[in-house]
Protein backbone atom coordinates (compact mmCIF):
# COMPACT_ATOMS: atom_id res chain seq x y z
CA MET A 1 0.00 0.00 0.00
CA ASP A 2 1.20 3.51 -0.87
CA PHE A 3 -0.38 5.56 1.90
CA ILE A 4 0.04 8.91 0.17
CA LYS A 5 -1.63 7.61 -3.00
CA GLU A 6 -4.46 6.06 -1.01
CA ILE A 7 -5.09 9.25 0.98
CA ALA A 8 -4.86 11.33 -2.20
CA ALA A 9 -7.53 9.10 -3.75
CA VAL A 10 -10.08 9.65 -0.95
CA VAL A 11 -9.40 13.42 -0.84
CA ALA A 12 -9.65 13.74 -4.63
CA LYS A 13 -12.96 11.91 -4.64
CA ALA A 14 -14.41 14.04 -1.82
CA ALA A 15 -13.20 17.35 -3.30
CA ASP A 16 -13.69 16.43 -6.99
CA LEU A 17 -10.02 17.14 -7.71
CA ASP A 18 -7.35 15.52 -9.87
CA ILE A 19 -5.64 12.78 -7.84
CA SER A 20 -2.08 13.71 -8.96
CA GLU A 21 -2.70 17.34 -7.94
CA VAL A 22 -3.80 16.20 -4.47
CA GLU A 23 -0.87 13.79 -4.17
CA ASN A 24 1.63 16.58 -4.82
CA LEU A 25 0.12 18.67 -2.01
CA ILE A 26 0.08 16.02 0.75
CA GLU A 27 2.61 16.72 3.51
CA ILE A 28 4.17 14.89 6.44
CA PRO A 29 3.20 17.08 9.43
CA LYS A 30 5.05 17.68 12.68
CA PRO A 31 4.76 14.95 15.34
CA GLY A 32 1.38 14.99 17.06
CA MET A 33 -0.38 16.65 14.11
CA GLY A 34 -1.27 13.43 12.32
CA ASP A 35 0.70 11.18 9.99
CA TYR A 36 -0.31 12.86 6.74
CA ALA A 37 -1.89 16.24 6.06
CA PHE A 38 -3.66 17.87 3.13
CA PRO A 39 -3.37 21.70 3.12
CA CYS A 40 -6.19 23.64 1.46
CA PHE A 41 -4.51 27.03 0.89
CA LYS A 42 -4.06 26.55 -2.86
CA LEU A 43 -7.78 25.75 -3.30
CA ALA A 44 -8.91 29.08 -1.84
CA LYS A 45 -8.46 31.04 -5.09
CA VAL A 46 -10.36 28.50 -7.19
CA MET A 47 -13.15 27.78 -4.71
CA LYS A 48 -13.34 31.39 -3.53
CA LYS A 49 -13.63 30.36 0.13
CA ALA A 50 -11.41 30.57 3.20
CA PRO A 51 -8.96 27.61 3.38
CA GLN A 52 -10.31 26.61 6.82
CA VAL A 53 -13.86 26.39 5.41
CA ILE A 54 -12.69 24.33 2.45
CA ALA A 55 -10.83 21.93 4.78
CA SER A 56 -13.97 21.37 6.88
CA GLU A 57 -16.22 20.85 3.87
CA ILE A 58 -13.88 18.32 2.23
CA ALA A 59 -13.33 16.45 5.52
CA GLU A 60 -17.10 15.99 5.94
CA LYS A 61 -17.34 14.30 2.52
CA ILE A 62 -14.37 11.95 2.98
CA GLU A 63 -15.22 8.26 3.29
CA LYS A 64 -12.74 7.13 5.92
CA PRO A 65 -10.77 4.09 4.66
CA GLU A 66 -10.03 1.19 7.01
CA PHE A 67 -6.33 1.97 7.31
CA VAL A 68 -7.12 5.45 8.72
CA GLU A 69 -7.96 5.61 12.44
CA LYS A 70 -9.18 9.19 12.51
CA ILE A 71 -9.40 12.41 10.51
CA ASN A 72 -9.48 15.89 11.98
CA VAL A 73 -9.30 19.45 10.70
CA LEU A 74 -6.87 21.97 12.14
CA ASN A 75 -7.06 25.42 10.56
CA ALA A 76 -6.56 24.83 6.82
CA TYR A 77 -5.23 21.26 7.19
CA ILE A 78 -7.04 17.94 6.98
CA ASN A 79 -5.00 15.60 9.17
CA PHE A 80 -4.99 11.82 8.79
CA TYR A 81 -3.97 9.40 11.54
CA VAL A 82 -3.23 5.94 10.14
CA ASN A 83 -3.80 2.64 11.88
CA LYS A 84 -0.38 1.85 13.38
CA THR A 85 -0.65 -1.92 12.99
CA VAL A 86 -1.63 -1.73 9.32
CA PHE A 87 1.10 0.83 8.65
CA VAL A 88 3.91 -1.08 10.42
CA GLU A 89 2.94 -4.37 8.77
CA ASN A 90 2.84 -2.74 5.35
CA VAL A 91 6.27 -1.11 5.70
CA LEU A 92 8.12 -4.07 7.23
CA LYS A 93 6.70 -6.56 4.72
CA LYS A 94 7.69 -4.26 1.86
CA VAL A 95 11.30 -4.00 3.14
CA SER A 96 11.45 -7.76 3.59
CA GLU A 97 10.02 -8.58 0.16
CA LYS A 98 11.99 -6.02 -1.84
CA GLY A 99 15.32 -6.50 -0.02
CA SER A 100 18.09 -4.32 -1.46
CA LYS A 101 15.62 -2.88 -4.00
CA TYR A 102 13.35 -1.39 -1.29
CA ILE A 103 14.76 2.15 -1.45
CA GLY A 104 15.03 2.21 -5.23
CA SER A 105 12.60 1.95 -8.12
CA ASP A 106 12.54 1.40 -11.88
CA ILE A 107 11.42 4.90 -12.94
CA GLY A 108 14.67 5.34 -14.88
CA ASN A 109 14.40 2.16 -16.94
CA GLY A 110 15.37 2.78 -20.55
CA LYS A 111 16.94 6.17 -19.80
CA THR A 112 20.62 7.12 -19.66
CA ILE A 113 22.29 9.60 -17.34
CA VAL A 114 25.87 10.72 -17.99
CA ILE A 115 27.73 12.20 -15.00
CA ASP A 116 31.01 14.10 -15.39
CA TYR A 117 32.77 14.23 -12.02
CA SER A 118 36.08 14.22 -10.13
CA SER A 119 38.19 15.23 -13.19
CA PRO A 120 41.53 16.08 -11.53
CA ASN A 121 44.39 17.63 -13.50
CA ILE A 122 47.17 15.28 -14.54
CA ALA A 123 50.60 16.04 -13.04
CA LYS A 124 49.01 17.87 -10.11
CA PRO A 125 48.35 16.26 -6.74
CA PHE A 126 44.91 14.90 -5.86
CA HIS A 127 44.06 17.35 -3.10
CA ILE A 128 41.17 18.01 -0.78
CA GLY A 129 39.64 20.38 -3.33
CA HIS A 130 38.89 17.37 -5.57
CA LEU A 131 36.90 15.62 -2.86
CA ARG A 132 33.60 17.40 -3.40
CA SER A 133 33.22 16.68 -7.11
CA THR A 134 34.33 13.09 -6.52
CA ALA A 135 32.03 12.37 -3.56
CA ILE A 136 28.97 14.20 -4.93
CA GLY A 137 29.36 12.68 -8.40
CA ASN A 138 29.81 9.16 -7.04
CA SER A 139 26.72 9.50 -4.85
CA LEU A 140 24.63 10.82 -7.75
CA TYR A 141 25.86 7.88 -9.84
CA LYS A 142 24.55 5.48 -7.18
CA ILE A 143 21.31 7.41 -6.65
CA TYR A 144 20.38 7.33 -10.35
CA LYS A 145 21.47 3.69 -10.61
CA ALA A 146 19.11 2.80 -7.72
CA LEU A 147 16.28 4.43 -9.69
CA GLY A 148 16.87 2.12 -12.63
CA TYR A 149 18.76 4.48 -14.94
CA ASN A 150 21.64 3.39 -17.11
CA VAL A 151 24.40 5.59 -15.66
CA VAL A 152 27.73 6.45 -17.28
CA GLY A 153 30.37 7.90 -14.95
CA ILE A 154 33.02 9.94 -16.75
CA ASN A 155 36.30 11.15 -15.25
CA HIS A 156 37.09 14.04 -17.63
CA LEU A 157 40.79 14.19 -16.77
CA GLY A 158 42.67 17.45 -17.23
CA ASP A 159 45.31 15.79 -19.38
CA TRP A 160 46.09 18.50 -21.95
CA GLY A 161 46.92 22.18 -22.04
CA THR A 162 49.45 24.85 -21.15
CA GLN A 163 50.28 23.30 -17.76
CA PHE A 164 52.10 20.49 -19.58
CA GLY A 165 54.27 22.98 -21.45
CA LYS A 166 55.08 24.54 -18.07
CA LEU A 167 55.81 21.17 -16.53
CA ILE A 168 58.12 20.13 -19.37
CA VAL A 169 60.09 23.38 -18.98
CA ALA A 170 60.20 22.88 -15.20
CA TYR A 171 61.37 19.27 -15.58
CA LYS A 172 64.14 20.22 -18.00
CA LEU A 173 65.35 23.08 -15.77
CA TRP A 174 64.95 21.72 -12.24
CA GLY A 175 63.90 18.06 -12.41
CA ASN A 176 65.45 14.68 -13.08
CA LYS A 177 64.15 11.19 -13.76
CA GLU A 178 65.41 9.66 -10.49
CA ALA A 179 63.68 12.30 -8.32
CA VAL A 180 60.38 11.92 -10.21
CA GLU A 181 60.49 8.12 -10.00
CA LYS A 182 61.23 8.36 -6.27
CA ASP A 183 58.58 10.91 -5.25
CA ASP A 184 56.13 10.69 -8.16
CA ILE A 185 53.46 13.38 -8.09
CA LYS A 186 55.04 15.26 -5.17
CA GLU A 187 58.14 15.95 -7.23
CA LEU A 188 56.07 17.02 -10.26
CA SER A 189 54.11 19.34 -7.99
CA ARG A 190 57.32 20.79 -6.53
CA ILE A 191 58.79 21.70 -9.91
CA TYR A 192 55.40 23.00 -11.13
CA VAL A 193 55.21 25.39 -8.18
CA LYS A 194 58.82 26.41 -8.82
CA PHE A 195 57.96 27.22 -12.45
CA HIS A 196 55.34 29.77 -11.35
CA GLU A 197 57.70 31.31 -8.81
CA GLU A 198 60.43 31.69 -11.43
CA ALA A 199 58.04 32.84 -14.19
CA GLU A 200 57.06 35.83 -12.05
CA LYS A 201 60.71 36.93 -12.20
CA ASN A 202 61.32 35.75 -15.77
CA PRO A 203 58.13 35.94 -17.94
CA SER A 204 59.96 34.46 -20.94
CA LEU A 205 59.51 31.05 -19.29
CA ASN A 206 55.82 31.30 -20.21
CA ASP A 207 56.76 31.71 -23.89
CA GLU A 208 58.96 28.64 -23.62
CA ALA A 209 56.08 26.70 -22.05
CA ARG A 210 53.76 27.70 -24.90
CA SER A 211 56.31 26.52 -27.45
CA TRP A 212 56.41 23.09 -25.79
CA LEU A 213 52.61 22.92 -25.93
CA VAL A 214 52.81 23.63 -29.66
CA LYS A 215 55.32 20.76 -29.95
CA MET A 216 52.82 18.50 -28.16
CA GLN A 217 50.09 19.57 -30.55
CA GLU A 218 52.37 18.82 -33.51
CA GLY A 219 53.21 15.34 -32.16
CA ASP A 220 56.86 16.00 -31.26
CA LYS A 221 58.22 12.69 -29.89
CA GLU A 222 60.06 14.12 -26.87
CA ALA A 223 57.12 16.29 -25.87
CA ILE A 224 54.60 13.43 -26.26
CA ASP A 225 56.83 10.94 -24.40
CA LEU A 226 57.18 13.31 -21.43
CA TRP A 227 53.43 14.04 -21.49
CA LYS A 228 52.56 10.30 -21.44
CA TRP A 229 55.04 9.72 -18.61
CA PHE A 230 53.51 12.50 -16.50
CA CYS A 231 50.03 11.04 -17.19
CA ASP A 232 51.07 7.53 -16.13
CA ILE A 233 52.59 8.82 -12.88
CA SER A 234 49.43 10.77 -12.07
CA MET A 235 47.04 7.91 -12.83
CA LYS A 236 48.90 5.64 -10.41
CA GLU A 237 48.24 8.08 -7.59
CA PHE A 238 44.67 8.81 -8.65
CA ASN A 239 43.81 5.11 -8.86
CA ARG A 240 45.31 4.45 -5.44
CA ILE A 241 43.01 7.12 -3.94
CA TYR A 242 39.96 6.01 -5.94
CA LYS A 243 40.52 2.47 -4.68
CA ARG A 244 40.50 3.68 -1.07
CA LEU A 245 37.34 5.68 -1.74
CA ASN A 246 35.84 2.61 -3.51
CA ILE A 247 35.07 4.70 -6.60
CA ARG A 248 35.17 3.50 -10.22
CA PHE A 249 34.47 5.22 -13.53
CA ASP A 250 33.10 3.94 -16.82
CA SER A 251 35.27 6.30 -18.87
CA TYR A 252 38.52 8.18 -18.33
CA ALA A 253 38.24 10.12 -21.61
CA GLY A 254 39.98 13.37 -20.70
CA GLU A 255 40.72 16.61 -22.51
CA SER A 256 43.27 15.06 -24.89
CA PHE A 257 40.62 12.64 -26.18
CA TYR A 258 38.85 15.55 -27.90
CA ASN A 259 41.89 17.03 -29.69
CA ASP A 260 40.71 15.68 -33.06
CA LYS A 261 37.04 16.43 -32.42
CA MET A 262 37.10 20.22 -32.00
CA GLN A 263 37.62 21.28 -35.61
CA ALA A 264 34.17 19.90 -36.49
CA VAL A 265 32.66 22.15 -33.80
CA VAL A 266 34.48 25.21 -35.16
CA ASP A 267 33.40 24.37 -38.71
CA GLU A 268 29.76 23.97 -37.72
CA LEU A 269 29.76 27.24 -35.76
CA ARG A 270 31.21 28.96 -38.80
CA GLU A 271 28.67 27.38 -41.17
CA LYS A 272 25.82 28.54 -38.93
CA ASN A 273 27.23 32.09 -38.84
CA LEU A 274 27.64 32.01 -35.06
CA LEU A 275 31.35 32.94 -35.01
CA THR A 276 32.44 36.57 -34.76
CA GLU A 277 35.99 37.93 -34.78
CA SER A 278 37.02 39.94 -31.74
CA GLN A 279 40.62 41.20 -31.35
CA GLY A 280 41.79 38.32 -33.54
CA ALA A 281 39.90 35.69 -31.51
CA GLN A 282 36.81 33.80 -32.67
CA ILE A 283 33.83 34.18 -30.32
CA VAL A 284 30.11 33.54 -30.06
CA ASP A 285 28.47 36.81 -29.05
CA LEU A 286 26.13 36.26 -26.09
CA GLU A 287 25.45 39.90 -25.20
CA LYS A 288 21.70 39.63 -25.86
CA TYR A 289 21.61 36.82 -23.26
CA ASN A 290 23.37 39.00 -20.66
CA MET A 291 26.57 36.97 -20.82
CA PRO A 292 30.12 37.78 -21.92
CA PRO A 293 31.19 36.29 -25.28
CA CYS A 294 32.03 32.59 -25.39
CA LEU A 295 35.61 32.23 -26.68
CA ILE A 296 36.02 29.44 -29.23
CA LEU A 297 39.45 30.14 -30.77
CA ARG A 298 42.34 32.22 -29.44
CA SER A 299 43.97 34.79 -31.72
CA ASP A 300 46.72 32.24 -32.46
CA GLY A 301 44.10 29.69 -33.54
CA GLY A 302 44.32 27.59 -30.37
CA THR A 303 41.16 26.08 -28.89
CA LEU A 304 39.82 26.82 -25.42
CA TYR A 305 37.85 25.03 -22.71
CA PRO A 306 34.42 25.88 -24.21
CA THR A 307 35.49 24.42 -27.58
CA ARG A 308 36.58 21.21 -25.88
CA ASP A 309 33.48 20.97 -23.69
CA ILE A 310 31.17 21.46 -26.68
CA ALA A 311 33.05 18.74 -28.59
CA ALA A 312 32.78 16.45 -25.53
CA ALA A 313 29.02 17.07 -25.24
CA PHE A 314 28.50 16.17 -28.93
CA TYR A 315 30.57 13.00 -28.51
CA ARG A 316 28.62 11.96 -25.39
CA LYS A 317 25.26 12.59 -27.02
CA LYS A 318 26.26 10.53 -30.06
CA THR A 319 27.88 7.74 -28.01
CA TYR A 320 25.45 7.40 -25.09
CA ASN A 321 22.31 9.21 -26.34
CA PHE A 322 21.85 10.56 -22.83
CA ASP A 323 18.58 11.83 -21.39
CA LYS A 324 20.58 14.04 -19.05
CA CYS A 325 24.27 14.94 -18.83
CA ILE A 326 25.32 16.24 -15.41
CA TYR A 327 28.52 18.23 -14.75
CA VAL A 328 29.61 18.23 -11.09
CA THR A 329 32.01 21.17 -10.71
CA ALA A 330 32.63 24.15 -8.46
CA LEU A 331 30.18 27.04 -8.18
CA ASP A 332 32.67 29.49 -9.70
CA GLN A 333 32.30 27.70 -13.05
CA ASN A 334 28.62 28.63 -13.37
CA LEU A 335 29.21 31.20 -16.10
CA HIS A 336 31.46 28.89 -18.13
CA PHE A 337 28.75 26.23 -18.32
CA ALA A 338 25.93 28.72 -18.93
CA GLN A 339 27.89 30.11 -21.91
CA TRP A 340 28.63 26.91 -23.77
CA PHE A 341 25.23 25.39 -22.95
CA LYS A 342 23.76 28.47 -24.67
CA VAL A 343 26.10 28.01 -27.67
CA ILE A 344 24.80 24.44 -28.20
CA GLU A 345 21.25 25.77 -27.97
CA LEU A 346 22.05 28.46 -30.57
CA MET A 347 23.44 25.73 -32.83
CA GLY A 348 19.89 24.39 -32.92
CA TYR A 349 20.13 21.32 -30.68
CA ASP A 350 17.14 20.91 -28.38
CA TRP A 351 19.09 18.50 -26.15
CA ALA A 352 20.96 21.54 -24.80
CA LYS A 353 18.20 21.60 -22.16
CA ASP A 354 19.43 18.19 -20.95
CA LEU A 355 22.86 19.57 -20.00
CA VAL A 356 22.91 20.24 -16.26
CA HIS A 357 25.56 22.02 -14.23
CA THR A 358 25.49 20.79 -10.62
CA PRO A 359 27.64 23.26 -8.67
CA PHE A 360 29.11 22.96 -5.18
CA GLY A 361 30.82 25.21 -2.63
CA LEU A 362 34.42 25.17 -1.46
CA VAL A 363 36.08 22.71 0.86
CA SER A 364 38.87 23.64 3.25
CA LEU A 365 40.47 22.97 6.59
CA GLY A 366 39.63 26.48 7.70
CA ASP A 367 42.62 28.20 6.12
CA GLY A 368 41.16 29.46 2.84
CA LYS A 369 41.06 28.40 -0.80
CA LEU A 370 43.63 26.00 -2.20
CA SER A 371 46.08 26.73 -4.99
CA THR A 372 48.37 24.28 -6.81
CA ARG A 373 50.38 27.10 -8.34
CA LYS A 374 51.44 28.51 -4.99
CA GLY A 375 51.79 25.13 -3.32
CA HIS A 376 48.94 25.73 -0.85
CA VAL A 377 47.68 22.18 -1.16
CA VAL A 378 46.28 19.72 1.38
CA LEU A 379 46.75 16.30 -0.19
CA MET A 380 43.73 14.01 -0.25
CA GLU A 381 45.83 11.05 0.85
CA ASP A 382 47.09 12.98 3.90
CA ILE A 383 43.47 13.77 4.88
CA LEU A 384 42.44 10.13 4.49
CA ASN A 385 45.42 8.93 6.52
CA MET A 386 44.77 11.48 9.25
CA SER A 387 41.11 10.48 9.57
CA VAL A 388 41.91 6.76 9.61
CA GLU A 389 44.64 7.27 12.24
CA LYS A 390 42.31 9.27 14.48
CA THR A 391 39.66 6.57 14.09
CA LYS A 392 42.19 3.90 15.10
CA ASN A 393 42.94 5.85 18.28
CA ILE A 394 39.21 6.04 19.09
CA ILE A 395 38.83 2.27 18.54
CA GLU A 396 41.85 1.54 20.77
CA GLU A 397 40.26 3.65 23.48
CA LYS A 398 36.66 2.38 23.20
CA ASN A 399 36.93 -1.17 21.83
CA PRO A 400 40.56 -2.40 21.92
CA ASN A 401 39.58 -6.06 21.39
CA LEU A 402 37.72 -5.37 18.14
CA GLU A 403 38.62 -7.78 15.32
CA ASN A 404 39.88 -6.36 12.00
CA LYS A 405 40.66 -3.00 13.60
CA ASP A 406 42.68 -1.69 10.67
CA GLU A 407 40.00 -2.54 8.13
CA ILE A 408 37.23 -0.99 10.22
CA ALA A 409 39.32 2.12 10.96
CA GLU A 410 39.73 2.56 7.19
CA GLU A 411 35.99 2.19 6.56
CA VAL A 412 34.99 4.52 9.40
CA GLY A 413 37.72 7.11 8.87
CA ILE A 414 37.06 7.46 5.15
CA GLY A 415 33.29 7.14 5.63
CA ALA A 416 33.42 10.06 8.08
CA ILE A 417 35.02 12.31 5.44
CA ILE A 418 32.53 11.41 2.72
CA PHE A 419 29.50 11.67 5.01
CA GLU A 420 30.65 15.08 6.29
CA ASP A 421 31.04 16.29 2.72
CA LEU A 422 27.56 15.12 1.72
CA PHE A 423 25.59 15.99 4.88
CA ASN A 424 24.77 19.58 3.87
CA SER A 425 23.44 21.04 0.64
CA ARG A 426 26.25 20.83 -1.93
CA ILE A 427 26.20 24.59 -2.51
CA LYS A 428 27.39 25.20 1.06
CA ASN A 429 31.09 25.46 1.82
CA VAL A 430 32.58 22.59 3.82
CA VAL A 431 35.18 23.21 6.52
CA PHE A 432 36.55 19.97 7.94
CA ASP A 433 36.60 19.56 11.69
CA PHE A 434 37.88 16.09 12.60
CA ASP A 435 36.55 16.26 16.16
CA ARG A 436 33.05 16.91 14.84
CA MET A 437 33.02 14.47 11.94
CA LEU A 438 34.49 11.58 13.97
CA ASN A 439 31.96 12.03 16.77
CA PHE A 440 30.03 8.80 17.33
CA ASP A 441 27.13 10.66 18.96
CA GLY A 442 26.46 13.46 16.46
CA GLU A 443 24.91 13.66 13.00
CA THR A 444 27.96 12.00 11.47
CA GLY A 445 29.11 9.05 9.39
CA PRO A 446 30.48 7.14 12.41
CA TYR A 447 27.12 7.60 14.21
CA ALA A 448 25.27 6.13 11.22
CA GLN A 449 27.80 3.30 10.83
CA TYR A 450 27.67 2.53 14.56
CA THR A 451 23.86 2.38 14.44
CA HIS A 452 24.08 -0.09 11.55
CA ALA A 453 26.64 -2.14 13.50
CA ARG A 454 24.32 -2.09 16.53
CA ALA A 455 21.48 -3.53 14.43
CA CYS A 456 23.85 -6.20 13.08
CA SER A 457 24.98 -7.06 16.61
CA ILE A 458 21.39 -7.52 17.82
CA ILE A 459 20.63 -9.84 14.90
CA LYS A 460 23.84 -11.82 15.49
CA ARG A 461 23.16 -12.19 19.22
CA ALA A 462 19.56 -13.26 18.55
CA GLY A 463 20.98 -16.19 16.58
CA VAL A 464 17.65 -16.95 14.90
CA ASP A 465 15.89 -16.17 11.66
CA VAL A 466 12.77 -14.09 12.07
CA ASP A 467 9.61 -16.14 12.02
CA GLU A 468 7.32 -14.64 9.34
CA ASN A 469 4.30 -15.34 11.54
CA ILE A 470 4.46 -11.92 13.21
CA ASP A 471 1.92 -10.12 15.36
CA TYR A 472 2.39 -6.56 14.08
CA SER A 473 0.08 -5.15 16.77
CA LEU A 474 3.02 -5.68 19.16
CA LEU A 475 4.81 -2.82 17.34
CA ASN A 476 2.07 -0.29 18.14
CA ASP A 477 4.23 1.81 20.47
CA GLU A 478 5.24 5.27 19.30
CA ALA A 479 8.97 4.45 19.01
CA SER A 480 8.38 1.42 16.75
CA PHE A 481 5.85 3.33 14.67
CA ASN A 482 8.25 6.25 14.19
CA VAL A 483 11.02 3.94 12.93
CA CYS A 484 8.64 2.60 10.32
CA LYS A 485 7.56 6.11 9.33
CA VAL A 486 11.11 7.24 8.51
CA ILE A 487 11.83 3.96 6.72
CA ASN A 488 8.65 4.44 4.68
CA GLU A 489 9.80 7.93 3.62
CA PHE A 490 13.13 6.70 2.24
CA PRO A 491 12.06 5.79 -1.34
CA ASP A 492 10.49 9.25 -1.78
CA LYS A 493 13.66 10.85 -0.43
CA LEU A 494 15.68 8.96 -3.03
CA ALA A 495 13.48 10.32 -5.82
CA GLU A 496 13.78 13.82 -4.36
CA ALA A 497 17.59 13.53 -4.14
CA ALA A 498 17.74 12.65 -7.86
CA ASP A 499 15.29 15.40 -8.80
CA LYS A 500 17.44 18.01 -7.03
CA ASN A 501 20.84 16.32 -7.56
CA GLU A 502 21.29 16.61 -3.78
CA PRO A 503 22.87 13.64 -1.94
CA TYR A 504 22.43 15.45 1.38
CA ILE A 505 18.73 14.44 1.29
CA ILE A 506 19.86 10.81 1.62
CA ALA A 507 22.39 11.65 4.36
CA ARG A 508 19.73 13.47 6.40
CA GLN A 509 17.26 10.61 6.03
CA ILE A 510 19.89 8.13 7.21
CA ILE A 511 20.32 10.20 10.37
CA GLU A 512 16.53 10.29 10.88
CA VAL A 513 16.44 6.48 10.69
CA CYS A 514 19.35 6.28 13.17
CA LYS A 515 17.69 8.64 15.65
CA ALA A 516 14.36 6.81 15.47
CA PHE A 517 16.01 3.40 15.80
CA ASN A 518 18.20 4.36 18.76
CA LYS A 519 15.13 5.72 20.56
CA PHE A 520 13.34 2.42 19.82
CA TYR A 521 16.40 0.49 21.08
CA ASN A 522 16.53 2.46 24.34
CA GLU A 523 12.80 2.08 25.01
CA ASN A 524 12.29 -1.56 24.03
CA ASN A 525 13.93 -4.70 25.34
CA ILE A 526 14.52 -6.81 22.25
CA LEU A 527 16.46 -9.99 23.07
CA ASN A 528 15.06 -10.61 26.57
CA SER A 529 11.38 -10.15 25.72
CA GLU A 530 8.79 -12.89 25.12
CA ASP A 531 9.24 -14.84 21.89
CA ASN A 532 6.37 -13.23 19.98
CA VAL A 533 7.46 -9.72 21.04
CA LYS A 534 11.12 -10.50 20.32
CA ASN A 535 10.18 -11.84 16.91
CA ALA A 536 8.24 -8.68 16.00
CA ARG A 537 10.99 -6.37 17.22
CA LEU A 538 13.67 -8.35 15.38
CA LYS A 539 11.66 -7.89 12.18
CA LEU A 540 12.01 -4.13 12.69
CA VAL A 541 15.74 -4.44 13.44
CA PHE A 542 16.27 -6.38 10.20
CA ALA A 543 14.51 -3.61 8.27
CA VAL A 544 16.66 -0.91 9.87
CA ARG A 545 19.85 -2.81 9.14
CA ASN A 546 18.92 -3.24 5.47
CA VAL A 547 17.84 0.37 4.97
CA LEU A 548 20.94 1.80 6.69
CA ARG A 549 23.26 -0.47 4.71
CA ASP A 550 21.66 0.48 1.39
CA GLY A 551 21.33 4.14 2.35
CA LEU A 552 25.01 4.43 3.29
CA ASP A 553 25.95 2.72 0.04
CA LEU A 554 24.07 5.45 -1.88
CA LEU A 555 26.57 7.92 -0.37
CA GLY A 556 29.59 5.73 -1.09
CA VAL A 557 30.03 4.99 2.64
CA SER A 558 30.80 1.48 3.94
CA ALA A 559 28.53 -0.17 6.52
CA PRO A 560 30.70 -2.22 8.92
CA GLU A 561 28.91 -5.02 10.77
CA GLN A 562 30.93 -4.45 13.94
CA MET A 563 32.64 -1.43 15.46
């Protein structure tokens, strides 16, 4: 039974309204105000009556279904109180029958979502600034997958451009093969930072860097060999970090992949009379759309990021025929995406509306924005190691005899970082505070993981399978009912998270399940109660364990069975 649909049906019939319109208006009220509520404010204009009067008139005409215990009117709201036994039985049976598919659905069947995320620059360290795109993108990948979509995750690596000319110059002036092989990306980062320091004193270094980029573009063997070497070194580090984060991609087609695909874009723009010359450069004028011009070709004929992104969008549409293509990048790139999305629209492609920029705020350790050029970088691996080490210390203090301590410390320490990143709306800035995010009692990853482990522990100690012959009336208490209410909301929260591209909706719902379950745990004796009561309560514990495990997975967070 879908309670919202059922309630919408009786309201629609009584008020002579469209059922889908009613369904969209139904709310979950505050505790004590009913289980579902239908507000009548929006009907006032059409019916030309006060909302309170409308609510009373509709309520009088409603034929109360069996699963509803009572209906009352409070101001402009019609409040419905459902029968607790019917509700609890419905929810727990649904979780049991659907298993890992309970939270998800098949609304995306036959549709494809492409997600462009993470996308670090080759030859630069994977730092904390890359975390947000990586964590948000990975979670969106899982969210859409759970809704039945075919999802393609693309790591659009920054593997081409002027920075490689700079790095080649830096390597030839201040680097050597032995040092790079010994320290990998750290050595490449060191000489890259040195290049910018020296270029401020000697600007001719920038000209030299540009000449090396031209050599790369022309296929010069030395330039290409160095470029490939830098790429290989970077990918080793990136893959090591992705493995720890348990993140995989379907494609690593980076910027270099589109080198031979941009001329077609330029030609088509020219054919459609969209290109204009400006100070020697080729642009698409966007003044009438209140945007600066979109640069397509530099004055020297070189391509730019918009050219490459347009070429990539065409390739993805042709290859994957996506229904939506999502770009998970920082908020400060809003204009860039708005510009080239508009260019594709002006080229006459209606699928431009399916290109979606999903921006996010900054991440820091409280000491400002990060910069690779100046060397102000907090390495991602250092953050992961720090969190895991702190988690180990907490385990040694609280549960020194725990088996597989190192493995669990890794899962909890890394889970804490990801959960912290995803707990608030993505547009908000994230400032890491290890004391807060490793707190086992707050709204944190470790709290959610510990609650899951608690449910696992209860099931393990029970040592029995749940008998399906359950008396659901034994779960009529408020704490049990509230657990089922938040579990019942989860599938709708998943759909909402996809609709808004907001993983935090999942993170918040996980915490709501944890809070409700821990209250239930503190108020109800599970293992030492009579068999029929124990059996009913274990059924609820099983449901919580499954929903927390699957919910955490949607965020890319592990769910340890013991902690």
